């Protein structure tokens, strides 16, 4: 079984195993050490609902920003 997520010495952050290359596909992204560590941390600390709420807020903010940017681009082309 995989080892538990490691907290930093002072306990204020998570120590992730980092990789030097960026994943080229969604599947590789999900299997990257950083994301696996994040998933493990969320699961082991029973933070699924909180993680969902945070990610949902990020998605909603990006959608709102995209809607704002589109009309601006259309106005510039006219």
PDB file of N, CA and C in Angstrom:
ATOM      1  N   UNK A   1       0.841  -1.183   0.000  1.00  0.00           N
ATOM      2  CA  UNK A   1       0.000   0.000   0.000  1.00  0.00           C
ATOM      3  C   UNK A   1       0.883   1.242   0.000  1.00  0.00           C
ATOM      4  N   UNK A   2       0.389   2.319  -0.602  1.00  0.00           N
ATOM      5  CA  UNK A   2       1.169   3.554  -0.699  1.00  0.00           C
ATOM      6  C   UNK A   2       1.341   4.177   0.681  1.00  0.00           C
ATOM      7  N   UNK A   3       2.461   4.862   0.830  1.00  0.00           N
ATOM      8  CA  UNK A   3       2.704   5.488   2.126  1.00  0.00           C
ATOM      9  C   UNK A   3       1.857   6.742   2.291  1.00  0.00           C
ATOM     10  N   UNK A   4       1.679   7.156   3.528  1.00  0.00           N
ATOM     11  CA  UNK A   4       0.843   8.316   3.819  1.00  0.00           C
ATOM     12  C   UNK A   4       1.495   9.593   3.320  1.00  0.00           C
ATOM     13  N   UNK A   5       0.672  10.615   3.157  1.00  0.00           N
ATOM     14  CA  UNK A   5       1.165  11.923   2.744  1.00  0.00           C
ATOM     15  C   UNK A   5       2.002  12.502   3.865  1.00  0.00           C
ATOM     16  N   UNK A   6       3.083  13.156   3.503  1.00  0.00           N
ATOM     17  CA  UNK A   6       3.979  13.722   4.511  1.00  0.00           C
ATOM     18  C   UNK A   6       3.703  15.209   4.678  1.00  0.00           C
ATOM     19  N   UNK A   7       3.580  15.626   5.914  1.00  0.00           N
ATOM     20  CA  UNK A   7       3.441  17.049   6.208  1.00  0.00           C
ATOM     21  C   UNK A   7       4.830  17.642   6.385  1.00  0.00           C
ATOM     22  N   UNK A   8       4.930  18.949   6.161  1.00  0.00           N
ATOM     23  CA  UNK A   8       6.212  19.609   6.354  1.00  0.00           C
ATOM     24  C   UNK A   8       6.599  19.574   7.830  1.00  0.00           C
ATOM     25  N   UNK A   9       7.839  19.920   8.108  1.00  0.00           N
ATOM     26  CA  UNK A   9       8.347  19.858   9.486  1.00  0.00           C
ATOM     27  C   UNK A   9       7.474  20.646  10.461  1.00  0.00           C
ATOM     28  N   UNK A  10       7.040  21.849  10.035  1.00  0.00           N
ATOM     29  CA  UNK A  10       6.233  22.675  10.934  1.00  0.00           C
ATOM     30  C   UNK A  10       4.741  22.343  10.853  1.00  0.00           C
ATOM     31  N   UNK A  11       4.353  21.442   9.933  1.00  0.00           N
ATOM     32  CA  UNK A  11       2.964  21.017   9.829  1.00  0.00           C
ATOM     33  C   UNK A  11       2.064  21.978   9.087  1.00  0.00           C
ATOM     34  N   UNK A  12       2.632  22.998   8.457  1.00  0.00           N
ATOM     35  CA  UNK A  12       1.804  24.009   7.798  1.00  0.00           C
ATOM     36  C   UNK A  12       1.567  23.724   6.323  1.00  0.00           C
ATOM     37  N   UNK A  13       2.263  22.757   5.741  1.00  0.00           N
ATOM     38  CA  UNK A  13       2.071  22.445   4.330  1.00  0.00           C
ATOM     39  C   UNK A  13       2.335  20.971   4.080  1.00  0.00           C
ATOM     40  N   UNK A  14       1.997  20.543   2.866  1.00  0.00           N
ATOM     41  CA  UNK A  14       2.160  19.156   2.469  1.00  0.00           C
ATOM     42  C   UNK A  14       3.454  19.032   1.682  1.00  0.00           C
ATOM     43  N   UNK A  15       4.252  18.031   1.992  1.00  0.00           N
ATOM     44  CA  UNK A  15       5.460  17.751   1.214  1.00  0.00           C
ATOM     45  C   UNK A  15       5.103  16.780   0.108  1.00  0.00           C
ATOM     46  N   UNK A  16       5.194  17.231  -1.148  1.00  0.00           N
ATOM     47  CA  UNK A  16       4.900  16.393  -2.300  1.00  0.00           C
ATOM     48  C   UNK A  16       6.195  15.965  -2.962  1.00  0.00           C
ATOM     49  N   UNK A  17       6.148  14.821  -3.582  1.00  0.00           N
ATOM     50  CA  UNK A  17       7.237  14.408  -4.452  1.00  0.00           C
ATOM     51  C   UNK A  17       7.031  15.183  -5.745  1.00  0.00           C
ATOM     52  N   UNK A  18       8.027  15.904  -6.189  1.00  0.00           N
ATOM     53  CA  UNK A  18       7.858  16.714  -7.392  1.00  0.00           C
ATOM     54  C   UNK A  18       8.594  16.090  -8.561  1.00  0.00           C
ATOM     55  N   UNK A  19       8.083  16.358  -9.745  1.00  0.00           N
ATOM     56  CA  UNK A  19       8.737  15.876 -10.955  1.00  0.00           C
ATOM     57  C   UNK A  19       9.145  17.079 -11.794  1.00  0.00           C
ATOM     58  N   UNK A  20      10.153  16.882 -12.645  1.00  0.00           N
ATOM     59  CA  UNK A  20      10.668  17.979 -13.453  1.00  0.00           C
ATOM     60  C   UNK A  20       9.894  18.196 -14.743  1.00  0.00           C
ATOM     61  N   UNK A  21       9.218  17.184 -15.241  1.00  0.00           N
ATOM     62  CA  UNK A  21       8.526  17.321 -16.517  1.00  0.00           C
ATOM     63  C   UNK A  21       7.023  17.498 -16.311  1.00  0.00           C
ATOM     64  N   UNK A  22       6.416  18.228 -17.240  1.00  0.00           N
ATOM     65  CA  UNK A  22       4.976  18.426 -17.198  1.00  0.00           C
ATOM     66  C   UNK A  22       4.281  17.269 -17.896  1.00  0.00           C
ATOM     67  N   UNK A  23       3.179  16.779 -17.345  1.00  0.00           N
ATOM     68  CA  UNK A  23       2.446  15.698 -17.998  1.00  0.00           C
ATOM     69  C   UNK A  23       1.874  16.163 -19.339  1.00  0.00           C
ATOM     70  N   UNK A  24       1.874  15.282 -20.333  1.00  0.00           N
ATOM     71  CA  UNK A  24       1.406  15.659 -21.667  1.00  0.00           C
ATOM     72  C   UNK A  24      -0.044  15.278 -21.934  1.00  0.00           C
ATOM     73  N   UNK A  25      -0.635  14.461 -21.084  1.00  0.00           N
ATOM     74  CA  UNK A  25      -2.028  14.069 -21.265  1.00  0.00           C
ATOM     75  C   UNK A  25      -2.749  14.125 -19.919  1.00  0.00           C
ATOM     76  N   UNK A  26      -4.070  14.090 -19.993  1.00  0.00           N
ATOM     77  CA  UNK A  26      -4.869  14.125 -18.769  1.00  0.00           C
ATOM     78  C   UNK A  26      -4.593  12.896 -17.904  1.00  0.00           C
ATOM     79  N   UNK A  27      -4.446  11.740 -18.534  1.00  0.00           N
ATOM     80  CA  UNK A  27      -4.174  10.517 -17.777  1.00  0.00           C
ATOM     81  C   UNK A  27      -2.837  10.625 -17.043  1.00  0.00           C
ATOM     82  N   UNK A  28      -1.813  11.124 -17.743  1.00  0.00           N
ATOM     83  CA  UNK A  28      -0.501  11.278 -17.118  1.00  0.00           C
ATOM     84  C   UNK A  28      -0.542  12.334 -16.022  1.00  0.00           C
ATOM     85  N   UNK A  29      -1.354  13.385 -16.218  1.00  0.00           N
ATOM     86  CA  UNK A  29      -1.508  14.420 -15.202  1.00  0.00           C
ATOM     87  C   UNK A  29      -2.069  13.815 -13.923  1.00  0.00           C
ATOM     88  N   UNK A  30      -3.103  13.001 -14.063  1.00  0.00           N
ATOM     89  CA  UNK A  30      -3.731  12.376 -12.897  1.00  0.00           C
ATOM     90  C   UNK A  30      -2.785  11.417 -12.183  1.00  0.00           C
ATOM     91  N   UNK A  31      -1.847  10.840 -12.923  1.00  0.00           N
ATOM     92  CA  UNK A  31      -0.924   9.882 -12.336  1.00  0.00           C
ATOM     93  C   UNK A  31       0.381  10.527 -11.880  1.00  0.00           C
ATOM     94  N   UNK A  32       0.506  11.835 -12.036  1.00  0.00           N
ATOM     95  CA  UNK A  32       1.744  12.494 -11.622  1.00  0.00           C
ATOM     96  C   UNK A  32       1.865  12.435 -10.095  1.00  0.00           C
ATOM     97  N   UNK A  33       3.084  12.410  -9.585  1.00  0.00           N
ATOM     98  CA  UNK A  33       3.282  12.279  -8.133  1.00  0.00           C
ATOM     99  C   UNK A  33       2.607  13.390  -7.323  1.00  0.00           C
ATOM    100  N   UNK A  34       2.597  14.610  -7.863  1.00  0.00           N
ATOM    101  CA  UNK A  34       1.987  15.720  -7.127  1.00  0.00           C
ATOM    102  C   UNK A  34       0.487  15.522  -6.966  1.00  0.00           C
ATOM    103  N   UNK A  35      -0.177  15.126  -8.044  1.00  0.00           N
ATOM    104  CA  UNK A  35      -1.630  14.949  -8.004  1.00  0.00           C
ATOM    105  C   UNK A  35      -1.995  13.717  -7.176  1.00  0.00           C
ATOM    106  N   UNK A  36      -1.241  12.647  -7.319  1.00  0.00           N
ATOM    107  CA  UNK A  36      -1.505  11.465  -6.493  1.00  0.00           C
ATOM    108  C   UNK A  36      -1.360  11.797  -5.011  1.00  0.00           C
ATOM    109  N   UNK A  37      -0.354  12.600  -4.679  1.00  0.00           N
ATOM    110  CA  UNK A  37      -0.170  13.019  -3.293  1.00  0.00           C
ATOM    111  C   UNK A  37      -1.331  13.858  -2.798  1.00  0.00           C
ATOM    112  N   UNK A  38      -1.823  14.746  -3.665  1.00  0.00           N
ATOM    113  CA  UNK A  38      -2.971  15.579  -3.309  1.00  0.00           C
ATOM    114  C   UNK A  38      -4.205  14.716  -3.087  1.00  0.00           C
ATOM    115  N   UNK A  39      -4.492  13.803  -4.022  1.00  0.00           N
ATOM    116  CA  UNK A  39      -5.640  12.905  -3.868  1.00  0.00           C
ATOM    117  C   UNK A  39      -5.532  12.102  -2.573  1.00  0.00           C
ATOM    118  N   UNK A  40      -4.354  11.581  -2.303  1.00  0.00           N
ATOM    119  CA  UNK A  40      -4.143  10.767  -1.095  1.00  0.00           C
ATOM    120  C   UNK A  40      -4.391  11.610   0.153  1.00  0.00           C
ATOM    121  N   UNK A  41      -3.877  12.846   0.165  1.00  0.00           N
ATOM    122  CA  UNK A  41      -4.067  13.729   1.311  1.00  0.00           C
ATOM    123  C   UNK A  41      -5.547  13.997   1.550  1.00  0.00           C
ATOM    124  N   UNK A  42      -6.275  14.314   0.481  1.00  0.00           N
ATOM    125  CA  UNK A  42      -7.710  14.601   0.596  1.00  0.00           C
ATOM    126  C   UNK A  42      -8.449  13.375   1.131  1.00  0.00           C
ATOM    127  N   UNK A  43      -8.152  12.198   0.584  1.00  0.00           N
ATOM    128  CA  UNK A  43      -8.849  10.979   0.996  1.00  0.00           C
ATOM    129  C   UNK A  43      -8.517  10.597   2.432  1.00  0.00           C
ATOM    130  N   UNK A  44      -7.232  10.610   2.786  1.00  0.00           N
ATOM    131  CA  UNK A  44      -6.827  10.176   4.125  1.00  0.00           C
ATOM    132  C   UNK A  44      -7.335  11.096   5.219  1.00  0.00           C
ATOM    133  N   UNK A  45      -7.565  12.356   4.888  1.00  0.00           N
ATOM    134  CA  UNK A  45      -8.038  13.311   5.885  1.00  0.00           C
ATOM    135  C   UNK A  45      -9.529  13.599   5.755  1.00  0.00           C
ATOM    136  N   UNK A  46     -10.219  12.776   4.946  1.00  0.00           N
ATOM    137  CA  UNK A  46     -11.664  12.894   4.757  1.00  0.00           C
ATOM    138  C   UNK A  46     -12.076  14.320   4.391  1.00  0.00           C
ATOM    139  N   UNK A  47     -11.423  14.863   3.378  1.00  0.00           N
ATOM    140  CA  UNK A  47     -11.674  16.235   2.942  1.00  0.00           C
ATOM    141  C   UNK A  47     -12.309  16.283   1.552  1.00  0.00           C
ATOM    142  N   UNK A  48     -13.015  15.225   1.156  1.00  0.00           N
ATOM    143  CA  UNK A  48     -13.579  15.186  -0.180  1.00  0.00           C
ATOM    144  C   UNK A  48     -14.558  16.327  -0.424  1.00  0.00           C
ATOM    145  N   UNK A  49     -15.430  16.584   0.511  1.00  0.00           N
ATOM    146  CA  UNK A  49     -16.444  17.643   0.331  1.00  0.00           C
ATOM    147  C   UNK A  49     -15.774  19.017   0.237  1.00  0.00           C
ATOM    148  N   UNK A  50     -14.807  19.265   1.108  1.00  0.00           N
ATOM    149  CA  UNK A  50     -14.112  20.555   1.104  1.00  0.00           C
ATOM    150  C   UNK A  50     -13.320  20.744  -0.192  1.00  0.00           C
ATOM    151  N   UNK A  51     -12.679  19.683  -0.663  1.00  0.00           N
ATOM    152  CA  UNK A  51     -11.920  19.764  -1.911  1.00  0.00           C
ATOM    153  C   UNK A  51     -12.865  20.030  -3.076  1.00  0.00           C
ATOM    154  N   UNK A  52     -14.013  19.370  -3.088  1.00  0.00           N
ATOM    155  CA  UNK A  52     -14.999  19.601  -4.146  1.00  0.00           C
ATOM    156  C   UNK A  52     -15.467  21.049  -4.141  1.00  0.00           C
ATOM    157  N   UNK A  53     -15.786  21.582  -2.964  1.00  0.00           N
ATOM    158  CA  UNK A  53     -16.254  22.972  -2.868  1.00  0.00           C
ATOM    159  C   UNK A  53     -15.206  23.956  -3.394  1.00  0.00           C
ATOM    160  N   UNK A  54     -13.957  23.739  -3.042  1.00  0.00           N
ATOM    161  CA  UNK A  54     -12.880  24.627  -3.489  1.00  0.00           C
ATOM    162  C   UNK A  54     -12.719  24.542  -4.998  1.00  0.00           C
ATOM    163  N   UNK A  55     -12.672  23.326  -5.528  1.00  0.00           N
ATOM    164  CA  UNK A  55     -12.503  23.168  -6.973  1.00  0.00           C
ATOM    165  C   UNK A  55     -13.709  23.718  -7.734  1.00  0.00           C
ATOM    166  N   UNK A  56     -14.908  23.560  -7.177  1.00  0.00           N
ATOM    167  CA  UNK A  56     -16.102  24.100  -7.809  1.00  0.00           C
ATOM    168  C   UNK A  56     -16.043  25.628  -7.876  1.00  0.00           C
ATOM    169  N   UNK A  57     -15.578  26.265  -6.812  1.00  0.00           N
ATOM    170  CA  UNK A  57     -15.438  27.729  -6.814  1.00  0.00           C
ATOM    171  C   UNK A  57     -14.436  28.188  -7.868  1.00  0.00           C
ATOM    172  N   UNK A  58     -13.352  27.436  -8.016  1.00  0.00           N
ATOM    173  CA  UNK A  58     -12.343  27.783  -9.020  1.00  0.00           C
ATOM    174  C   UNK A  58     -12.941  27.675 -10.423  1.00  0.00           C
ATOM    175  N   UNK A  59     -13.686  26.601 -10.689  1.00  0.00           N
ATOM    176  CA  UNK A  59     -14.310  26.408 -12.001  1.00  0.00           C
ATOM    177  C   UNK A  59     -15.311  27.526 -12.280  1.00  0.00           C
ATOM    178  N   UNK A  60     -16.137  27.858 -11.300  1.00  0.00           N
ATOM    179  CA  UNK A  60     -17.133  28.912 -11.484  1.00  0.00           C
ATOM    180  C   UNK A  60     -16.464  30.261 -11.764  1.00  0.00           C
ATOM    181  N   UNK A  61     -15.388  30.556 -11.051  1.00  0.00           N
ATOM    182  CA  UNK A  61     -14.658  31.813 -11.258  1.00  0.00           C
ATOM    183  C   UNK A  61     -14.055  31.876 -12.664  1.00  0.00           C
ATOM    184  N   UNK A  62     -13.511  30.757 -13.126  1.00  0.00           N
ATOM    185  CA  UNK A  62     -12.927  30.709 -14.478  1.00  0.00           C
ATOM    186  C   UNK A  62     -13.997  30.860 -15.545  1.00  0.00           C
ATOM    187  N   UNK A  63     -15.161  30.249 -15.342  1.00  0.00           N
ATOM    188  CA  UNK A  63     -16.263  30.390 -16.288  1.00  0.00           C
ATOM    189  C   UNK A  63     -16.723  31.840 -16.355  1.00  0.00           C
ATOM    190  N   UNK A  64     -16.842  32.488 -15.204  1.00  0.00           N
ATOM    191  CA  UNK A  64     -17.262  33.886 -15.170  1.00  0.00           C
ATOM    192  C   UNK A  64     -16.240  34.775 -15.876  1.00  0.00           C
ATOM    193  N   UNK A  65     -14.978  34.510 -15.668  1.00  0.00           N
ATOM    194  CA  UNK A  65     -13.925  35.277 -16.322  1.00  0.00           C
ATOM    195  C   UNK A  65     -13.968  35.072 -17.828  1.00  0.00           C
ATOM    196  N   UNK A  66     -14.221  33.844 -18.263  1.00  0.00           N
ATOM    197  CA  UNK A  66     -14.296  33.534 -19.690  1.00  0.00           C
ATOM    198  C   UNK A  66     -15.450  34.292 -20.340  1.00  0.00           C
ATOM    199  N   UNK A  67     -16.590  34.374 -19.649  1.00  0.00           N
ATOM    200  CA  UNK A  67     -17.749  35.093 -20.171  1.00  0.00           C
ATOM    201  C   UNK A  67     -17.429  36.586 -20.294  1.00  0.00           C
ATOM    202  N   UNK A  68     -16.690  37.140 -19.341  1.00  0.00           N
ATOM    203  CA  UNK A  68     -16.308  38.555 -19.398  1.00  0.00           C
ATOM    204  C   UNK A  68     -15.346  38.825 -20.544  1.00  0.00           C
ATOM    205  N   UNK A  69     -14.417  37.922 -20.785  1.00  0.00           N
ATOM    206  CA  UNK A  69     -13.392  38.121 -21.801  1.00  0.00           C
ATOM    207  C   UNK A  69     -13.972  37.998 -23.200  1.00  0.00           C
ATOM    208  N   UNK A  70     -14.912  37.095 -23.439  1.00  0.00           N
ATOM    209  CA  UNK A  70     -15.484  36.899 -24.769  1.00  0.00           C
ATOM    210  C   UNK A  70     -16.118  38.169 -25.335  1.00  0.00           C
ATOM    211  N   UNK A  71     -17.010  38.857 -24.602  1.00  0.00           N
ATOM    212  CA  UNK A  71     -17.598  40.090 -25.154  1.00  0.00           C
ATOM    213  C   UNK A  71     -16.524  41.156 -25.434  1.00  0.00           C
ATOM    214  N   UNK A  72     -15.497  41.215 -24.649  1.00  0.00           N
ATOM    215  CA  UNK A  72     -14.436  42.189 -24.873  1.00  0.00           C
ATOM    216  C   UNK A  72     -13.718  41.901 -26.184  1.00  0.00           C
ATOM    217  N   UNK A  73     -13.477  40.631 -26.486  1.00  0.00           N
ATOM    218  CA  UNK A  73     -12.827  40.257 -27.728  1.00  0.00           C
ATOM    219  C   UNK A  73     -13.712  40.582 -28.921  1.00  0.00           C
ATOM    220  N   UNK A  74     -15.017  40.337 -28.800  1.00  0.00           N
ATOM    221  CA  UNK A  74     -15.951  40.620 -29.887  1.00  0.00           C
ATOM    222  C   UNK A  74     -15.991  42.123 -30.138  1.00  0.00           C
ATOM    223  N   UNK A  75     -15.988  42.924 -29.093  1.00  0.00           N
ATOM    224  CA  UNK A  75     -16.034  44.377 -29.235  1.00  0.00           C
ATOM    225  C   UNK A  75     -14.785  44.905 -29.937  1.00  0.00           C
ATOM    226  N   UNK A  76     -13.637  44.313 -29.676  1.00  0.00           N
ATOM    227  CA  UNK A  76     -12.393  44.755 -30.291  1.00  0.00           C
ATOM    228  C   UNK A  76     -12.350  44.451 -31.786  1.00  0.00           C
ATOM    229  N   UNK A  77     -13.002  43.378 -32.214  1.00  0.00           N
ATOM    230  CA  UNK A  77     -12.954  43.004 -33.622  1.00  0.00           C
ATOM    231  C   UNK A  77     -13.885  43.829 -34.481  1.00  0.00           C
ATOM    232  N   UNK A  78     -14.855  44.507 -33.888  1.00  0.00           N
ATOM    233  CA  UNK A  78     -15.805  45.324 -34.671  1.00  0.00           C
ATOM    234  C   UNK A  78     -15.274  46.664 -35.012  1.00  0.00           C
TER     235      UNK A  78
END
